[in-house]
C-alpha atoms as a PDB file:
ATOM      1  CA  MET A   1     -28.160 -99.217  82.873  1.00  0.00           C
ATOM      2  CA  SER A   2     -29.953 -96.023  83.393  1.00  0.00           C
ATOM      3  CA  PHE A   3     -33.280 -95.695  84.952  1.00  0.00           C
ATOM      4  CA  TRP A   4     -35.085 -94.669  81.588  1.00  0.00           C
ATOM      5  CA  GLU A   5     -33.520 -97.938  80.173  1.00  0.00           C
ATOM      6  CA  GLU A   6     -34.946 -99.940  82.666  1.00  0.00           C
ATOM      7  CA  LEU A   7     -38.247 -98.357  82.730  1.00  0.00           C
ATOM      8  CA  GLY A   8     -38.488 -98.618  78.792  1.00  0.00           C
ATOM      9  CA  GLN A   9     -37.578-102.384  79.092  1.00  0.00           C
ATOM     10  CA  LYS A  10     -40.385-102.889  81.888  1.00  0.00           C
ATOM     11  CA  LEU A  11     -42.718-100.909  79.815  1.00  0.00           C
ATOM     12  CA  THR A  12     -41.882-103.029  76.517  1.00  0.00           C
ATOM     13  CA  GLN A  13     -42.275-106.216  78.661  1.00  0.00           C
ATOM     14  CA  SER A  14     -45.502-105.407  80.238  1.00  0.00           C
ATOM     15  CA  GLY A  15     -46.804-104.397  76.751  1.00  0.00           C
ATOM     16  CA  GLN A  16     -45.922-107.905  75.248  1.00  0.00           C
ATOM     17  CA  GLU A  17     -47.549-109.600  78.367  1.00  0.00           C
ATOM     18  CA  ALA A  18     -50.699-107.320  77.848  1.00  0.00           C
ATOM     19  CA  MET A  19     -50.848-108.266  74.218  1.00  0.00           C
ATOM     20  CA  GLN A  20     -50.252-111.883  74.826  1.00  0.00           C
ATOM     21  CA  LYS A  21     -53.378-111.926  77.536  1.00  0.00           C
ATOM     22  CA  THR A  22     -55.440-110.078  74.872  1.00  0.00           C
ATOM     23  CA  ARG A  23     -54.763-112.874  72.211  1.00  0.00           C
ATOM     24  CA  GLU A  24     -55.656-115.501  74.836  1.00  0.00           C
ATOM     25  CA  ILE A  25     -58.826-113.828  75.591  1.00  0.00           C
ATOM     26  CA  ALA A  26     -59.889-113.286  72.152  1.00  0.00           C
ATOM     27  CA  GLY A  27     -58.978-116.927  71.585  1.00  0.00           C
ATOM     28  CA  VAL A  28     -61.247-117.906  74.384  1.00  0.00           C
ATOM     29  CA  VAL A  29     -64.009-115.853  72.935  1.00  0.00           C
ATOM     30  CA  THR A  30     -63.690-117.237  69.771  1.00  0.00           C
ATOM     31  CA  MET A  31     -63.740-120.935  70.941  1.00  0.00           C
ATOM     32  CA  ASN A  32     -66.807-120.048  73.505  1.00  0.00           C
ATOM     33  CA  ALA A  33     -68.413-118.778  70.177  1.00  0.00           C
ATOM     34  CA  ASP A  34     -67.750-121.992  68.441  1.00  0.00           C
ATOM     35  CA  ILE A  35     -68.993-123.967  71.089  1.00  0.00           C
ATOM     36  CA  SER A  36     -72.376-121.929  71.292  1.00  0.00           C
ATOM     37  CA  ASP A  37     -72.767-122.335  67.513  1.00  0.00           C
ATOM     38  CA  SER A  38     -72.014-126.102  67.832  1.00  0.00           C
ATOM     39  CA  LYS A  39     -74.690-126.522  70.658  1.00  0.00           C
ATOM     40  CA  ARG A  40     -77.207-124.629  68.731  1.00  0.00           C
ATOM     41  CA  LYS A  41     -76.666-127.017  65.596  1.00  0.00           C
ATOM     42  CA  ILE A  42     -76.891-129.958  68.004  1.00  0.00           C
ATOM     43  CA  ARG A  43     -80.363-128.634  69.215  1.00  0.00           C
ATOM     44  CA  ASP A  44     -81.444-128.020  65.713  1.00  0.00           C
ATOM     45  CA  LEU A  45     -80.383-131.610  64.699  1.00  0.00           C
ATOM     46  CA  TYR A  46     -82.251-133.084  67.608  1.00  0.00           C
ATOM     47  CA  ALA A  47     -85.270-131.139  66.528  1.00  0.00           C
ATOM     48  CA  GLU A  48     -85.027-132.349  62.767  1.00  0.00           C
ATOM     49  CA  LEU A  49     -84.200-135.934  64.039  1.00  0.00           C
ATOM     50  CA  GLY A  50     -87.281-136.291  66.385  1.00  0.00           C
ATOM     51  CA  GLU A  51     -89.553-134.781  63.452  1.00  0.00           C
ATOM     52  CA  LEU A  52     -87.985-137.501  61.027  1.00  0.00           C
ATOM     53  CA  VAL A  53     -88.473-140.250  63.472  1.00  0.00           C
ATOM     54  CA  VAL A  54     -92.200-139.218  64.318  1.00  0.00           C
ATOM     55  CA  ASN A  55     -92.925-138.624  60.562  1.00  0.00           C
ATOM     56  CA  GLU A  56     -91.187-141.930  59.463  1.00  0.00           C
ATOM     57  CA  ALA A  57     -92.140-144.267  62.424  1.00  0.00           C
ATOM     58  CA  PHE A  58     -95.908-143.128  62.822  1.00  0.00           C
ATOM     59  CA  GLU A  59     -96.886-142.238  59.267  1.00  0.00           C
ATOM     60  CA  GLY A  60    -100.511-143.546  58.457  1.00  0.00           C
ATOM     61  CA  ILE A  61    -101.065-143.847  62.150  1.00  0.00           C
ATOM     62  CA  GLY A  62    -103.857-141.630  63.665  1.00  0.00           C
ATOM     63  CA  ALA A  63    -104.038-139.929  66.867  1.00  0.00           C
ATOM     64  CA  ASP A  64    -106.975-142.278  67.955  1.00  0.00           C
ATOM     65  CA  GLN A  65    -104.767-145.396  67.326  1.00  0.00           C
ATOM     66  CA  ILE A  66    -101.790-144.030  69.214  1.00  0.00           C
ATOM     67  CA  LYS A  67    -104.219-143.044  72.047  1.00  0.00           C
ATOM     68  CA  ASP A  68    -105.621-146.581  72.194  1.00  0.00           C
ATOM     69  CA  ALA A  69    -102.169-148.137  72.215  1.00  0.00           C
ATOM     70  CA  LEU A  70    -101.166-145.825  75.273  1.00  0.00           C
ATOM     71  CA  ASN A  71    -104.276-146.720  77.019  1.00  0.00           C
ATOM     72  CA  ASP A  72    -104.124-150.586  76.239  1.00  0.00           C
ATOM     73  CA  GLU A  73    -103.061-152.368  79.600  1.00  0.00           C
ATOM     74  CA  HIS A  74    -101.175-154.935  77.598  1.00  0.00           C
ATOM     75  CA  ALA A  75     -99.679-152.467  75.204  1.00  0.00           C
ATOM     76  CA  ASP A  76     -95.854-153.072  76.528  1.00  0.00           C
ATOM     77  CA  GLU A  77     -96.446-156.890  76.013  1.00  0.00           C
ATOM     78  CA  LYS A  78     -97.552-156.658  72.299  1.00  0.00           C
ATOM     79  CA  ASN A  79     -94.914-156.468  69.502  1.00  0.00           C
ATOM     80  CA  VAL A  80     -95.387-153.175  67.811  1.00  0.00           C
ATOM     81  CA  GLU A  81     -93.150-152.799  64.645  1.00  0.00           C
ATOM     82  CA  ILE A  82     -91.884-149.207  63.794  1.00  0.00           C
ATOM     83  CA  THR A  83     -90.524-148.963  60.513  1.00  0.00           C
ATOM     84  CA  LEU A  84     -87.787-146.363  59.485  1.00  0.00           C
ATOM     85  CA  ARG A  85     -87.578-146.310  55.819  1.00  0.00           C
ATOM     86  CA  ASN A  86     -85.156-143.248  55.940  1.00  0.00           C
ATOM     87  CA  TRP A  87     -82.752-144.603  58.184  1.00  0.00           C
ATOM     88  CA  LYS A  88     -79.731-143.006  56.301  1.00  0.00           C
ATOM     89  CA  ALA A  89     -81.042-139.626  57.218  1.00  0.00           C
ATOM     90  CA  ILE A  90     -81.311-140.453  60.740  1.00  0.00           C
ATOM     91  CA  TYR A  91     -77.862-142.063  60.845  1.00  0.00           C
ATOM     92  CA  SER A  92     -76.227-138.851  59.145  1.00  0.00           C
ATOM     93  CA  LYS A  93     -77.975-136.507  61.563  1.00  0.00           C
ATOM     94  CA  VAL A  94     -76.600-138.617  64.508  1.00  0.00           C
ATOM     95  CA  MET A  95     -73.170-138.612  62.949  1.00  0.00           C
ATOM     96  CA  PHE A  96     -73.283-135.013  62.588  1.00  0.00           C
ATOM     97  CA  ILE A  97     -74.432-134.555  66.297  1.00  0.00           C
ATOM     98  CA  ARG A  98     -71.468-136.648  67.435  1.00  0.00           C
ATOM     99  CA  SER A  99     -69.117-134.756  65.474  1.00  0.00           C
ATOM    100  CA  GLU A 100     -70.414-131.390  66.716  1.00  0.00           C
ATOM    101  CA  GLN A 101     -69.981-132.837  70.379  1.00  0.00           C
ATOM    102  CA  GLU A 102     -66.179-133.659  69.459  1.00  0.00           C
ATOM    103  CA  VAL A 103     -65.855-129.973  68.415  1.00  0.00           C
ATOM    104  CA  ILE A 104     -67.297-128.911  71.842  1.00  0.00           C
ATOM    105  CA  ALA A 105     -64.887-131.230  73.695  1.00  0.00           C
ATOM    106  CA  ILE A 106     -61.793-129.881  71.709  1.00  0.00           C
ATOM    107  CA  ASN A 107     -62.589-126.226  72.454  1.00  0.00           C
ATOM    108  CA  GLU A 108     -63.362-126.888  76.010  1.00  0.00           C
ATOM    109  CA  ALA A 109     -59.945-128.450  76.207  1.00  0.00           C
ATOM    110  CA  LYS A 110     -58.284-125.842  74.487  1.00  0.00           C
ATOM    111  CA  ILE A 111     -59.936-122.944  76.722  1.00  0.00           C
ATOM    112  CA  SER A 112     -59.007-125.070  79.696  1.00  0.00           C
ATOM    113  CA  ASP A 113     -55.390-124.979  78.625  1.00  0.00           C
ATOM    114  CA  LEU A 114     -55.395-121.154  77.959  1.00  0.00           C
ATOM    115  CA  LYS A 115     -56.971-120.698  81.490  1.00  0.00           C
ATOM    116  CA  SER A 116     -54.635-123.039  83.202  1.00  0.00           C
ATOM    117  CA  GLU A 117     -57.468-125.332  84.189  1.00  0.00           C
ATOM    118  CA  THR A 118     -58.154-129.092  84.476  1.00  0.00           C
ATOM    119  CA  LYS A 119     -61.175-131.232  85.205  1.00  0.00           C
ATOM    120  CA  CYS A 120     -61.609-132.981  88.458  1.00  0.00           C
ATOM    121  CA  PRO A 121     -61.300-136.745  87.572  1.00  0.00           C
ATOM    122  CA  ALA A 122     -63.960-137.531  90.129  1.00  0.00           C
ATOM    123  CA  CYS A 123     -66.774-134.795  89.499  1.00  0.00           C
ATOM    124  CA  GLY A 124     -65.591-133.287  86.205  1.00  0.00           C
ATOM    125  CA  ARG A 125     -65.794-129.585  87.566  1.00  0.00           C
ATOM    126  CA  ARG A 126     -63.099-127.218  86.076  1.00  0.00           C
ATOM    127  CA  ILE A 127     -60.327-126.578  88.641  1.00  0.00           C
ATOM    128  CA  ALA A 128     -56.899-124.703  88.526  1.00  0.00           C
ATOM    129  CA  LYS A 129     -54.043-126.853  87.589  1.00  0.00           C
ATOM    130  CA  ASP A 130     -51.912-125.864  90.660  1.00  0.00           C
ATOM    131  CA  ILE A 131     -54.424-127.177  93.410  1.00  0.00           C
ATOM    132  CA  SER A 132     -54.123-130.400  95.397  1.00  0.00           C
ATOM    133  CA  PHE A 133     -57.828-131.135  96.359  1.00  0.00           C
ATOM    134  CA  CYS A 134     -60.767-130.324  94.272  1.00  0.00           C
ATOM    135  CA  PRO A 135     -62.868-127.845  96.030  1.00  0.00           C
ATOM    136  CA  ASN A 136     -65.999-129.235  95.139  1.00  0.00           C
ATOM    137  CA  CYS A 137     -65.608-132.867  95.933  1.00  0.00           C
ATOM    138  CA  GLY A 138     -62.495-133.040  97.866  1.00  0.00           C
ATOM    139  CA  THR A 139     -60.682-135.621  95.493  1.00  0.00           C
ATOM    140  CA  LYS A 140     -56.776-135.565  95.523  1.00  0.00           C
ATOM    141  CA  ILE A 141     -55.574-134.009  92.525  1.00  0.00           C
ATOM    142  CA  VAL A 142     -52.528-135.683  90.951  1.00  0.00           C
ATOM    143  CA  PRO A 143     -50.531-133.662  88.249  1.00  0.00           C
ATOM    144  CA  GLN A 144     -50.621-135.345  84.888  1.00  0.00           C
ATOM    145  CA  GLN A 145     -46.814-135.869  84.963  1.00  0.00           C
ATOM    146  CA  GLU A 146     -47.057-137.590  88.124  1.00  0.00           C
ATOM    147  CA  ALA A 147     -49.819-139.860  87.149  1.00  0.00           C
ATOM    148  CA  ALA A 148     -47.918-140.800  84.040  1.00  0.00           C
ATOM    149  CA  ALA A 149     -44.781-141.446  86.063  1.00  0.00           C
ATOM    150  CA  ALA A 150     -46.744-143.751  88.594  1.00  0.00           C
ATOM    151  CA  ASN A 151     -48.228-145.514  85.501  1.00  0.00           C
ATOM    152  CA  GLU A 152     -45.057-146.064  84.085  1.00  0.00           C
ATOM    153  CA  ALA A 153     -43.495-147.264  87.402  1.00  0.00           C
ATOM    154  CA  ALA A 154     -46.507-149.549  87.925  1.00  0.00           C
ATOM    155  CA  SER A 155     -45.896-151.160  84.342  1.00  0.00           C
ATOM    156  CA  ALA A 156     -42.254-151.545  85.090  1.00  0.00           C
ATOM    157  CA  ALA A 157     -43.156-153.299  88.356  1.00  0.00           C
ATOM    158  CA  GLU A 158     -45.422-155.668  86.494  1.00  0.00           C
ATOM    159  CA  ASN A 159     -42.930-156.438  83.651  1.00  0.00           C
ATOM    160  CA  ALA A 160     -40.468-157.232  86.234  1.00  0.00           C
ATOM    161  CA  GLY A 161     -42.558-159.395  88.070  1.00  0.00           C
ATOM    162  CA  ALA A 162     -43.567-161.375  85.024  1.00  0.00           C
ATOM    163  CA  GLU A 163     -40.060-161.934  84.063  1.00  0.00           C
ATOM    164  CA  THR A 164     -39.270-162.996  87.451  1.00  0.00           C
ATOM    165  CA  GLU A 165     -42.070-165.720  87.275  1.00  0.00           C
ATOM    166  CA  ASP A 166     -40.887-166.765  83.827  1.00  0.00           C
ATOM    167  CA  LYS A 167     -37.488-167.544  85.098  1.00  0.00           C
ATOM    168  CA  GLN A 168     -38.602-169.784  87.849  1.00  0.00           C
END
């Protein structure tokens, strides 16, 4: 193969690798934007939820009554009934918050895969997949394949032990 053919192949390969890396970076940027959007939605929902609870639970109770209850030494011992009439609205906002939290978790997992990262099982920090110990807390990192193999071996040993006991 001539020099020019080899050079052409290397340039083509480098161009394809650069294009793939660009796609990965664009994917990470998009997912980070989705995460930021979900976090904004969650903040807004918490604000709406707080407003709804305060309006529902304390309707008809004046500031003086609330102040008196807070200053009452035995307030914790008294039964205070708070009625939430609009519980379906509260429930739906809580469910939407949970769904946005799931979207965040999914996008963070995708970003970790693209960046070849994983989370430390002990401290939760993002770390490179190919390291043996967490640089933050020092926990030994067991690759997922090894962990799965160890779990299968432990299950097989338990099953074998149970069969032996059954035969005796």
